[in-house]
Amino acid sequence: MRPIKLRMTAFEPYANTVELDFEQGLNGENFLLIYGATGAGKTSILDAICYALYNKSSGGDRNDKMMRSNQAAPNVVTAVEFDFALGDKIYTVC
């Protein structure tokens, strides 16, 4: 599986919509690294991918209510959309 894009809205620390383009800047390379300081949101990215694919957090320790951003406005819907490639096909899961 090759990640393409991840969109998160009101998900964990992200109160607004955040889009991560996993292909930007890779120049055709097949290597991806998610790095950052402690508390920067690396696990949240993995949680969003796992939640889109399996409806669970990456460690399975957090439930649906725990994944909603406590900083999001009440009228903003929590959502995750993940685009990925598997072989020659591209899939989108929400």
PDB file of N, CA and C in Angstrom:
ATOM      1  N   MET A   1       0.851  -1.177   0.000  1.00  0.00           N
ATOM      2  CA  MET A   1       0.000   0.000   0.000  1.00  0.00           C
ATOM      3  C   MET A   1       0.892   1.234   0.000  1.00  0.00           C
ATOM      4  N   ARG A   2       0.526   2.185  -0.833  1.00  0.00           N
ATOM      5  CA  ARG A   2       1.253   3.450  -0.914  1.00  0.00           C
ATOM      6  C   ARG A   2       0.292   4.582  -0.555  1.00  0.00           C
ATOM      7  N   PRO A   3       0.536   5.291   0.566  1.00  0.00           N
ATOM      8  CA  PRO A   3      -0.343   6.408   0.929  1.00  0.00           C
ATOM      9  C   PRO A   3      -0.198   7.553  -0.069  1.00  0.00           C
ATOM     10  N   ILE A   4      -1.319   8.193  -0.381  1.00  0.00           N
ATOM     11  CA  ILE A   4      -1.316   9.315  -1.317  1.00  0.00           C
ATOM     12  C   ILE A   4      -1.691  10.601  -0.590  1.00  0.00           C
ATOM     13  N   LYS A   5      -2.900  10.642  -0.029  1.00  0.00           N
ATOM     14  CA  LYS A   5      -3.354  11.829   0.702  1.00  0.00           C
ATOM     15  C   LYS A   5      -4.170  11.416   1.914  1.00  0.00           C
ATOM     16  N   LEU A   6      -4.104  12.254   2.932  1.00  0.00           N
ATOM     17  CA  LEU A   6      -4.885  12.055   4.144  1.00  0.00           C
ATOM     18  C   LEU A   6      -5.504  13.395   4.516  1.00  0.00           C
ATOM     19  N   ARG A   7      -6.830  13.404   4.678  1.00  0.00           N
ATOM     20  CA  ARG A   7      -7.548  14.600   5.097  1.00  0.00           C
ATOM     21  C   ARG A   7      -8.220  14.315   6.433  1.00  0.00           C
ATOM     22  N   MET A   8      -7.972  15.176   7.391  1.00  0.00           N
ATOM     23  CA  MET A   8      -8.541  15.017   8.738  1.00  0.00           C
ATOM     24  C   MET A   8      -9.267  16.301   9.113  1.00  0.00           C
ATOM     25  N   THR A   9     -10.465  16.160   9.647  1.00  0.00           N
ATOM     26  CA  THR A   9     -11.231  17.307  10.120  1.00  0.00           C
ATOM     27  C   THR A   9     -11.691  17.023  11.536  1.00  0.00           C
ATOM     28  N   ALA A  10     -11.397  17.932  12.443  1.00  0.00           N
ATOM     29  CA  ALA A  10     -11.789  17.804  13.856  1.00  0.00           C
ATOM     30  C   ALA A  10     -11.319  16.473  14.430  1.00  0.00           C
ATOM     31  N   PHE A  11     -10.142  16.062  14.030  1.00  0.00           N
ATOM     32  CA  PHE A  11      -9.605  14.771  14.441  1.00  0.00           C
ATOM     33  C   PHE A  11      -8.397  14.977  15.339  1.00  0.00           C
ATOM     34  N   GLU A  12      -8.458  14.433  16.538  1.00  0.00           N
ATOM     35  CA  GLU A  12      -7.408  14.530  17.559  1.00  0.00           C
ATOM     36  C   GLU A  12      -6.919  15.973  17.681  1.00  0.00           C
ATOM     37  N   PRO A  13      -5.640  16.330  17.451  1.00  0.00           N
ATOM     38  CA  PRO A  13      -5.249  17.725  17.710  1.00  0.00           C
ATOM     39  C   PRO A  13      -5.661  18.692  16.601  1.00  0.00           C
ATOM     40  N   TYR A  14      -6.186  18.179  15.482  1.00  0.00           N
ATOM     41  CA  TYR A  14      -6.483  19.017  14.328  1.00  0.00           C
ATOM     42  C   TYR A  14      -7.937  19.490  14.371  1.00  0.00           C
ATOM     43  N   ALA A  15      -8.161  20.734  14.800  1.00  0.00           N
ATOM     44  CA  ALA A  15      -9.516  21.271  14.940  1.00  0.00           C
ATOM     45  C   ALA A  15     -10.152  21.552  13.588  1.00  0.00           C
ATOM     46  N   ASN A  16      -9.348  21.999  12.634  1.00  0.00           N
ATOM     47  CA  ASN A  16      -9.839  22.298  11.291  1.00  0.00           C
ATOM     48  C   ASN A  16      -9.394  21.199  10.339  1.00  0.00           C
ATOM     49  N   THR A  17      -9.703  21.366   9.067  1.00  0.00           N
ATOM     50  CA  THR A  17      -9.291  20.374   8.074  1.00  0.00           C
ATOM     51  C   THR A  17      -7.807  20.530   7.771  1.00  0.00           C
ATOM     52  N   VAL A  18      -7.111  19.416   7.825  1.00  0.00           N
ATOM     53  CA  VAL A  18      -5.688  19.355   7.493  1.00  0.00           C
ATOM     54  C   VAL A  18      -5.533  18.290   6.415  1.00  0.00           C
ATOM     55  N   GLU A  19      -4.789  18.625   5.362  1.00  0.00           N
ATOM     56  CA  GLU A  19      -4.541  17.660   4.302  1.00  0.00           C
ATOM     57  C   GLU A  19      -3.041  17.399   4.212  1.00  0.00           C
ATOM     58  N   LEU A  20      -2.683  16.131   4.236  1.00  0.00           N
ATOM     59  CA  LEU A  20      -1.293  15.726   4.083  1.00  0.00           C
ATOM     60  C   LEU A  20      -1.146  15.046   2.730  1.00  0.00           C
ATOM     61  N   ASP A  21      -0.236  15.551   1.912  1.00  0.00           N
ATOM     62  CA  ASP A  21       0.041  14.969   0.605  1.00  0.00           C
ATOM     63  C   ASP A  21       1.322  14.162   0.731  1.00  0.00           C
ATOM     64  N   PHE A  22       1.198  12.843   0.764  1.00  0.00           N
ATOM     65  CA  PHE A  22       2.347  11.976   0.975  1.00  0.00           C
ATOM     66  C   PHE A  22       3.234  11.863  -0.260  1.00  0.00           C
ATOM     67  N   GLU A  23       2.763  12.329  -1.401  1.00  0.00           N
ATOM     68  CA  GLU A  23       3.566  12.246  -2.620  1.00  0.00           C
ATOM     69  C   GLU A  23       4.336  13.527  -2.896  1.00  0.00           C
ATOM     70  N   GLN A  24       3.915  14.625  -2.309  1.00  0.00           N
ATOM     71  CA  GLN A  24       4.570  15.910  -2.538  1.00  0.00           C
ATOM     72  C   GLN A  24       6.015  15.869  -2.037  1.00  0.00           C
ATOM     73  N   GLY A  25       6.924  16.223  -2.877  1.00  0.00           N
ATOM     74  CA  GLY A  25       8.323  16.292  -2.479  1.00  0.00           C
ATOM     75  C   GLY A  25       9.077  14.975  -2.513  1.00  0.00           C
ATOM     76  N   LEU A  26       8.404  13.879  -2.853  1.00  0.00           N
ATOM     77  CA  LEU A  26       9.094  12.587  -2.886  1.00  0.00           C
ATOM     78  C   LEU A  26       9.828  12.357  -4.216  1.00  0.00           C
ATOM     79  N   ASN A  27       9.501  13.141  -5.238  1.00  0.00           N
ATOM     80  CA  ASN A  27      10.172  13.044  -6.542  1.00  0.00           C
ATOM     81  C   ASN A  27      10.220  11.616  -7.070  1.00  0.00           C
ATOM     82  N   GLY A  28       9.132  10.880  -6.894  1.00  0.00           N
ATOM     83  CA  GLY A  28       9.057   9.527  -7.424  1.00  0.00           C
ATOM     84  C   GLY A  28       9.703   8.463  -6.559  1.00  0.00           C
ATOM     85  N   GLU A  29      10.278   8.845  -5.439  1.00  0.00           N
ATOM     86  CA  GLU A  29      10.901   7.868  -4.536  1.00  0.00           C
ATOM     87  C   GLU A  29       9.815   7.094  -3.795  1.00  0.00           C
ATOM     88  N   ASN A  30      10.141   5.931  -3.291  1.00  0.00           N
ATOM     89  CA  ASN A  30       9.187   5.075  -2.594  1.00  0.00           C
ATOM     90  C   ASN A  30       9.417   5.044  -1.085  1.00  0.00           C
ATOM     91  N   PHE A  31      10.007   6.072  -0.523  1.00  0.00           N
ATOM     92  CA  PHE A  31      10.312   6.081   0.898  1.00  0.00           C
ATOM     93  C   PHE A  31       9.575   7.228   1.560  1.00  0.00           C
ATOM     94  N   LEU A  32       8.935   6.948   2.681  1.00  0.00           N
ATOM     95  CA  LEU A  32       8.189   7.963   3.413  1.00  0.00           C
ATOM     96  C   LEU A  32       8.538   7.845   4.882  1.00  0.00           C
ATOM     97  N   LEU A  33       8.808   8.975   5.511  1.00  0.00           N
ATOM     98  CA  LEU A  33       9.150   9.010   6.929  1.00  0.00           C
ATOM     99  C   LEU A  33       8.274  10.055   7.601  1.00  0.00           C
ATOM    100  N   ILE A  34       7.631   9.670   8.688  1.00  0.00           N
ATOM    101  CA  ILE A  34       6.854  10.619   9.489  1.00  0.00           C
ATOM    102  C   ILE A  34       7.678  10.882  10.741  1.00  0.00           C
ATOM    103  N   TYR A  35       8.123  12.118  10.905  1.00  0.00           N
ATOM    104  CA  TYR A  35       8.968  12.430  12.059  1.00  0.00           C
ATOM    105  C   TYR A  35       8.546  13.766  12.655  1.00  0.00           C
ATOM    106  N   GLY A  36       8.954  13.996  13.885  1.00  0.00           N
ATOM    107  CA  GLY A  36       8.675  15.251  14.561  1.00  0.00           C
ATOM    108  C   GLY A  36       8.910  15.101  16.041  1.00  0.00           C
ATOM    109  N   ALA A  37       8.849  16.208  16.722  1.00  0.00           N
ATOM    110  CA  ALA A  37       9.067  16.227  18.164  1.00  0.00           C
ATOM    111  C   ALA A  37       7.928  15.496  18.880  1.00  0.00           C
ATOM    112  N   THR A  38       8.192  15.124  20.118  1.00  0.00           N
ATOM    113  CA  THR A  38       7.158  14.508  20.946  1.00  0.00           C
ATOM    114  C   THR A  38       5.967  15.454  21.036  1.00  0.00           C
ATOM    115  N   GLY A  39       4.784  14.917  20.772  1.00  0.00           N
ATOM    116  CA  GLY A  39       3.571  15.727  20.834  1.00  0.00           C
ATOM    117  C   GLY A  39       3.249  16.467  19.545  1.00  0.00           C
ATOM    118  N   ALA A  40       4.010  16.225  18.489  1.00  0.00           N
ATOM    119  CA  ALA A  40       3.798  16.940  17.231  1.00  0.00           C
ATOM    120  C   ALA A  40       2.620  16.399  16.416  1.00  0.00           C
ATOM    121  N   GLY A  41       2.148  15.178  16.725  1.00  0.00           N
ATOM    122  CA  GLY A  41       0.986  14.624  16.028  1.00  0.00           C
ATOM    123  C   GLY A  41       1.284  13.427  15.153  1.00  0.00           C
ATOM    124  N   LYS A  42       2.444  12.804  15.302  1.00  0.00           N
ATOM    125  CA  LYS A  42       2.784  11.636  14.485  1.00  0.00           C
ATOM    126  C   LYS A  42       1.800  10.488  14.704  1.00  0.00           C
ATOM    127  N   THR A  43       1.500  10.178  15.934  1.00  0.00           N
ATOM    128  CA  THR A  43       0.557   9.096  16.230  1.00  0.00           C
ATOM    129  C   THR A  43      -0.834   9.447  15.725  1.00  0.00           C
ATOM    130  N   SER A  44      -1.191  10.717  15.744  1.00  0.00           N
ATOM    131  CA  SER A  44      -2.496  11.138  15.229  1.00  0.00           C
ATOM    132  C   SER A  44      -2.621  10.834  13.744  1.00  0.00           C
ATOM    133  N   ILE A  45      -1.540  10.985  12.998  1.00  0.00           N
ATOM    134  CA  ILE A  45      -1.550  10.654  11.571  1.00  0.00           C
ATOM    135  C   ILE A  45      -1.791   9.159  11.390  1.00  0.00           C
ATOM    136  N   LEU A  46      -1.075   8.346  12.159  1.00  0.00           N
ATOM    137  CA  LEU A  46      -1.257   6.892  12.084  1.00  0.00           C
ATOM    138  C   LEU A  46      -2.648   6.489  12.562  1.00  0.00           C
ATOM    139  N   ASP A  47      -3.145   7.155  13.607  1.00  0.00           N
ATOM    140  CA  ASP A  47      -4.506   6.897  14.081  1.00  0.00           C
ATOM    141  C   ASP A  47      -5.522   7.178  12.979  1.00  0.00           C
ATOM    142  N   ALA A  48      -5.344   8.284  12.257  1.00  0.00           N
ATOM    143  CA  ALA A  48      -6.293   8.653  11.203  1.00  0.00           C
ATOM    144  C   ALA A  48      -6.293   7.615  10.086  1.00  0.00           C
ATOM    145  N   ILE A  49      -5.118   7.145   9.702  1.00  0.00           N
ATOM    146  CA  ILE A  49      -5.037   6.119   8.653  1.00  0.00           C
ATOM    147  C   ILE A  49      -5.727   4.836   9.120  1.00  0.00           C
ATOM    148  N   CYS A  50      -5.416   4.405  10.335  1.00  0.00           N
ATOM    149  CA  CYS A  50      -6.032   3.179  10.874  1.00  0.00           C
ATOM    150  C   CYS A  50      -7.534   3.347  11.044  1.00  0.00           C
ATOM    151  N   TYR A  51      -7.962   4.540  11.473  1.00  0.00           N
ATOM    152  CA  TYR A  51      -9.388   4.780  11.663  1.00  0.00           C
ATOM    153  C   TYR A  51     -10.125   4.718  10.327  1.00  0.00           C
ATOM    154  N   ALA A  52      -9.522   5.301   9.281  1.00  0.00           N
ATOM    155  CA  ALA A  52     -10.149   5.253   7.954  1.00  0.00           C
ATOM    156  C   ALA A  52     -10.243   3.815   7.444  1.00  0.00           C
ATOM    157  N   LEU A  53      -9.204   3.035   7.672  1.00  0.00           N
ATOM    158  CA  LEU A  53      -9.166   1.668   7.159  1.00  0.00           C
ATOM    159  C   LEU A  53      -9.938   0.663   8.009  1.00  0.00           C
ATOM    160  N   TYR A  54      -9.836   0.800   9.342  1.00  0.00           N
ATOM    161  CA  TYR A  54     -10.347  -0.249  10.238  1.00  0.00           C
ATOM    162  C   TYR A  54     -11.357   0.233  11.289  1.00  0.00           C
ATOM    163  N   ASN A  55     -11.640   1.554  11.319  1.00  0.00           N
ATOM    164  CA  ASN A  55     -12.547   2.123  12.315  1.00  0.00           C
ATOM    165  C   ASN A  55     -12.021   1.958  13.740  1.00  0.00           C
ATOM    166  N   LYS A  56     -10.689   1.957  13.893  1.00  0.00           N
ATOM    167  CA  LYS A  56     -10.022   1.847  15.197  1.00  0.00           C
ATOM    168  C   LYS A  56      -8.789   2.725  15.190  1.00  0.00           C
ATOM    169  N   SER A  57      -8.345   3.134  16.384  1.00  0.00           N
ATOM    170  CA  SER A  57      -7.084   3.867  16.484  1.00  0.00           C
ATOM    171  C   SER A  57      -5.924   2.911  16.247  1.00  0.00           C
ATOM    172  N   SER A  58      -4.740   3.450  16.026  1.00  0.00           N
ATOM    173  CA  SER A  58      -3.590   2.605  15.696  1.00  0.00           C
ATOM    174  C   SER A  58      -3.251   1.634  16.817  1.00  0.00           C
ATOM    175  N   GLY A  59      -3.428   2.028  18.050  1.00  0.00           N
ATOM    176  CA  GLY A  59      -3.148   1.126  19.166  1.00  0.00           C
ATOM    177  C   GLY A  59      -4.397   0.454  19.707  1.00  0.00           C
ATOM    178  N   GLY A  60      -5.568   0.890  19.221  1.00  0.00           N
ATOM    179  CA  GLY A  60      -6.823   0.334  19.692  1.00  0.00           C
ATOM    180  C   GLY A  60      -7.209   0.806  21.084  1.00  0.00           C
ATOM    181  N   ASP A  61      -6.429   1.752  21.631  1.00  0.00           N
ATOM    182  CA  ASP A  61      -6.666   2.204  23.000  1.00  0.00           C
ATOM    183  C   ASP A  61      -7.684   3.335  23.097  1.00  0.00           C
ATOM    184  N   ARG A  62      -7.919   4.060  22.000  1.00  0.00           N
ATOM    185  CA  ARG A  62      -8.802   5.220  22.035  1.00  0.00           C
ATOM    186  C   ARG A  62     -10.107   4.903  21.316  1.00  0.00           C
ATOM    187  N   ASN A  63     -11.219   5.369  21.884  1.00  0.00           N
ATOM    188  CA  ASN A  63     -12.518   5.153  21.244  1.00  0.00           C
ATOM    189  C   ASN A  63     -12.882   6.354  20.367  1.00  0.00           C
ATOM    190  N   ASP A  64     -14.027   6.282  19.708  1.00  0.00           N
ATOM    191  CA  ASP A  64     -14.451   7.330  18.772  1.00  0.00           C
ATOM    192  C   ASP A  64     -14.477   8.713  19.412  1.00  0.00           C
ATOM    193  N   LYS A  65     -15.036   8.819  20.598  1.00  0.00           N
ATOM    194  CA  LYS A  65     -15.166  10.120  21.256  1.00  0.00           C
ATOM    195  C   LYS A  65     -13.805  10.717  21.601  1.00  0.00           C
ATOM    196  N   MET A  66     -12.831   9.878  21.882  1.00  0.00           N
ATOM    197  CA  MET A  66     -11.496  10.359  22.230  1.00  0.00           C
ATOM    198  C   MET A  66     -10.760  10.888  21.000  1.00  0.00           C
ATOM    199  N   MET A  67     -11.193  10.489  19.815  1.00  0.00           N
ATOM    200  CA  MET A  67     -10.515  10.926  18.600  1.00  0.00           C
ATOM    201  C   MET A  67     -11.015  12.273  18.091  1.00  0.00           C
ATOM    202  N   ARG A  68     -12.139  12.731  18.586  1.00  0.00           N
ATOM    203  CA  ARG A  68     -12.641  14.047  18.177  1.00  0.00           C
ATOM    204  C   ARG A  68     -11.824  15.140  18.854  1.00  0.00           C
ATOM    205  N   SER A  69     -11.458  16.142  18.074  1.00  0.00           N
ATOM    206  CA  SER A  69     -10.700  17.270  18.604  1.00  0.00           C
ATOM    207  C   SER A  69     -11.548  18.039  19.605  1.00  0.00           C
ATOM    208  N   ASN A  70     -10.995  18.278  20.773  1.00  0.00           N
ATOM    209  CA  ASN A  70     -11.735  19.055  21.776  1.00  0.00           C
ATOM    210  C   ASN A  70     -11.654  20.546  21.478  1.00  0.00           C
ATOM    211  N   GLN A  71     -10.932  20.923  20.436  1.00  0.00           N
ATOM    212  CA  GLN A  71     -10.817  22.328  20.038  1.00  0.00           C
ATOM    213  C   GLN A  71     -11.710  22.664  18.835  1.00  0.00           C
ATOM    214  N   ALA A  72     -12.359  21.663  18.273  1.00  0.00           N
ATOM    215  CA  ALA A  72     -13.207  21.885  17.099  1.00  0.00           C
ATOM    216  C   ALA A  72     -14.530  22.520  17.506  1.00  0.00           C
ATOM    217  N   ALA A  73     -15.063  23.337  16.613  1.00  0.00           N
ATOM    218  CA  ALA A  73     -16.378  23.937  16.843  1.00  0.00           C
ATOM    219  C   ALA A  73     -17.434  22.840  16.866  1.00  0.00           C
ATOM    220  N   PRO A  74     -18.490  23.008  17.664  1.00  0.00           N
ATOM    221  CA  PRO A  74     -19.516  21.968  17.783  1.00  0.00           C
ATOM    222  C   PRO A  74     -20.184  21.587  16.469  1.00  0.00           C
ATOM    223  N   ASN A  75     -20.260  22.520  15.514  1.00  0.00           N
ATOM    224  CA  ASN A  75     -20.934  22.234  14.238  1.00  0.00           C
ATOM    225  C   ASN A  75     -20.014  21.582  13.208  1.00  0.00           C
ATOM    226  N   VAL A  76     -18.741  21.381  13.533  1.00  0.00           N
ATOM    227  CA  VAL A  76     -17.791  20.761  12.607  1.00  0.00           C
ATOM    228  C   VAL A  76     -17.824  19.249  12.811  1.00  0.00           C
ATOM    229  N   VAL A  77     -18.038  18.526  11.722  1.00  0.00           N
ATOM    230  CA  VAL A  77     -18.123  17.072  11.774  1.00  0.00           C
ATOM    231  C   VAL A  77     -16.713  16.473  11.748  1.00  0.00           C
ATOM    232  N   THR A  78     -16.471  15.507  12.610  1.00  0.00           N
ATOM    233  CA  THR A  78     -15.193  14.797  12.616  1.00  0.00           C
ATOM    234  C   THR A  78     -15.165  13.844  11.427  1.00  0.00           C
ATOM    235  N   ALA A  79     -14.103  13.940  10.635  1.00  0.00           N
ATOM    236  CA  ALA A  79     -14.016  13.105   9.429  1.00  0.00           C
ATOM    237  C   ALA A  79     -12.566  12.810   9.086  1.00  0.00           C
ATOM    238  N   VAL A  80     -12.362  11.649   8.470  1.00  0.00           N
ATOM    239  CA  VAL A  80     -11.056  11.250   7.947  1.00  0.00           C
ATOM    240  C   VAL A  80     -11.285  10.676   6.558  1.00  0.00           C
ATOM    241  N   GLU A  81     -10.467  11.104   5.608  1.00  0.00           N
ATOM    242  CA  GLU A  81     -10.512  10.576   4.250  1.00  0.00           C
ATOM    243  C   GLU A  81      -9.078  10.225   3.850  1.00  0.00           C
ATOM    244  N   PHE A  82      -8.882   9.017   3.369  1.00  0.00           N
ATOM    245  CA  PHE A  82      -7.548   8.515   3.066  1.00  0.00           C
ATOM    246  C   PHE A  82      -7.514   7.960   1.651  1.00  0.00           C
ATOM    247  N   ASP A  83      -6.601   8.490   0.840  1.00  0.00           N
ATOM    248  CA  ASP A  83      -6.383   7.992  -0.522  1.00  0.00           C
ATOM    249  C   ASP A  83      -5.093   7.188  -0.514  1.00  0.00           C
ATOM    250  N   PHE A  84      -5.138   5.998  -1.105  1.00  0.00           N
ATOM    251  CA  PHE A  84      -3.938   5.177  -1.180  1.00  0.00           C
ATOM    252  C   PHE A  84      -3.974   4.331  -2.442  1.00  0.00           C
ATOM    253  N   ALA A  85      -2.799   3.875  -2.836  1.00  0.00           N
ATOM    254  CA  ALA A  85      -2.683   3.023  -4.016  1.00  0.00           C
ATOM    255  C   ALA A  85      -2.320   1.621  -3.573  1.00  0.00           C
ATOM    256  N   LEU A  86      -2.900   0.675  -4.264  1.00  0.00           N
ATOM    257  CA  LEU A  86      -2.587  -0.738  -4.061  1.00  0.00           C
ATOM    258  C   LEU A  86      -2.421  -1.328  -5.453  1.00  0.00           C
ATOM    259  N   GLY A  87      -1.176  -1.595  -5.808  1.00  0.00           N
ATOM    260  CA  GLY A  87      -0.906  -1.992  -7.184  1.00  0.00           C
ATOM    261  C   GLY A  87      -1.194  -0.819  -8.098  1.00  0.00           C
ATOM    262  N   ASP A  88      -1.955  -1.054  -9.148  1.00  0.00           N
ATOM    263  CA  ASP A  88      -2.293   0.000 -10.108  1.00  0.00           C
ATOM    264  C   ASP A  88      -3.577   0.745  -9.753  1.00  0.00           C
ATOM    265  N   LYS A  89      -4.258   0.331  -8.710  1.00  0.00           N
ATOM    266  CA  LYS A  89      -5.544   0.919  -8.367  1.00  0.00           C
ATOM    267  C   LYS A  89      -5.383   1.932  -7.225  1.00  0.00           C
ATOM    268  N   ILE A  90      -6.217   2.977  -7.279  1.00  0.00           N
ATOM    269  CA  ILE A  90      -6.238   3.996  -6.233  1.00  0.00           C
ATOM    270  C   ILE A  90      -7.574   3.890  -5.511  1.00  0.00           C
ATOM    271  N   TYR A  91      -7.518   3.905  -4.200  1.00  0.00           N
ATOM    272  CA  TYR A  91      -8.719   3.781  -3.362  1.00  0.00           C
ATOM    273  C   TYR A  91      -8.858   4.997  -2.466  1.00  0.00           C
ATOM    274  N   THR A  92     -10.084   5.322  -2.115  1.00  0.00           N
ATOM    275  CA  THR A  92     -10.398   6.364  -1.147  1.00  0.00           C
ATOM    276  C   THR A  92     -11.331   5.750  -0.114  1.00  0.00           C
ATOM    277  N   VAL A  93     -10.954   5.888   1.157  1.00  0.00           N
ATOM    278  CA  VAL A  93     -11.815   5.412   2.248  1.00  0.00           C
ATOM    279  C   VAL A  93     -12.098   6.592   3.165  1.00  0.00           C
ATOM    280  N   CYS A  94     -13.290   6.606   3.722  1.00  0.00           N
ATOM    281  CA  CYS A  94     -13.721   7.684   4.619  1.00  0.00           C
ATOM    282  C   CYS A  94     -14.203   7.099   5.929  1.00  0.00           C
TER     283      CYS A  94
END
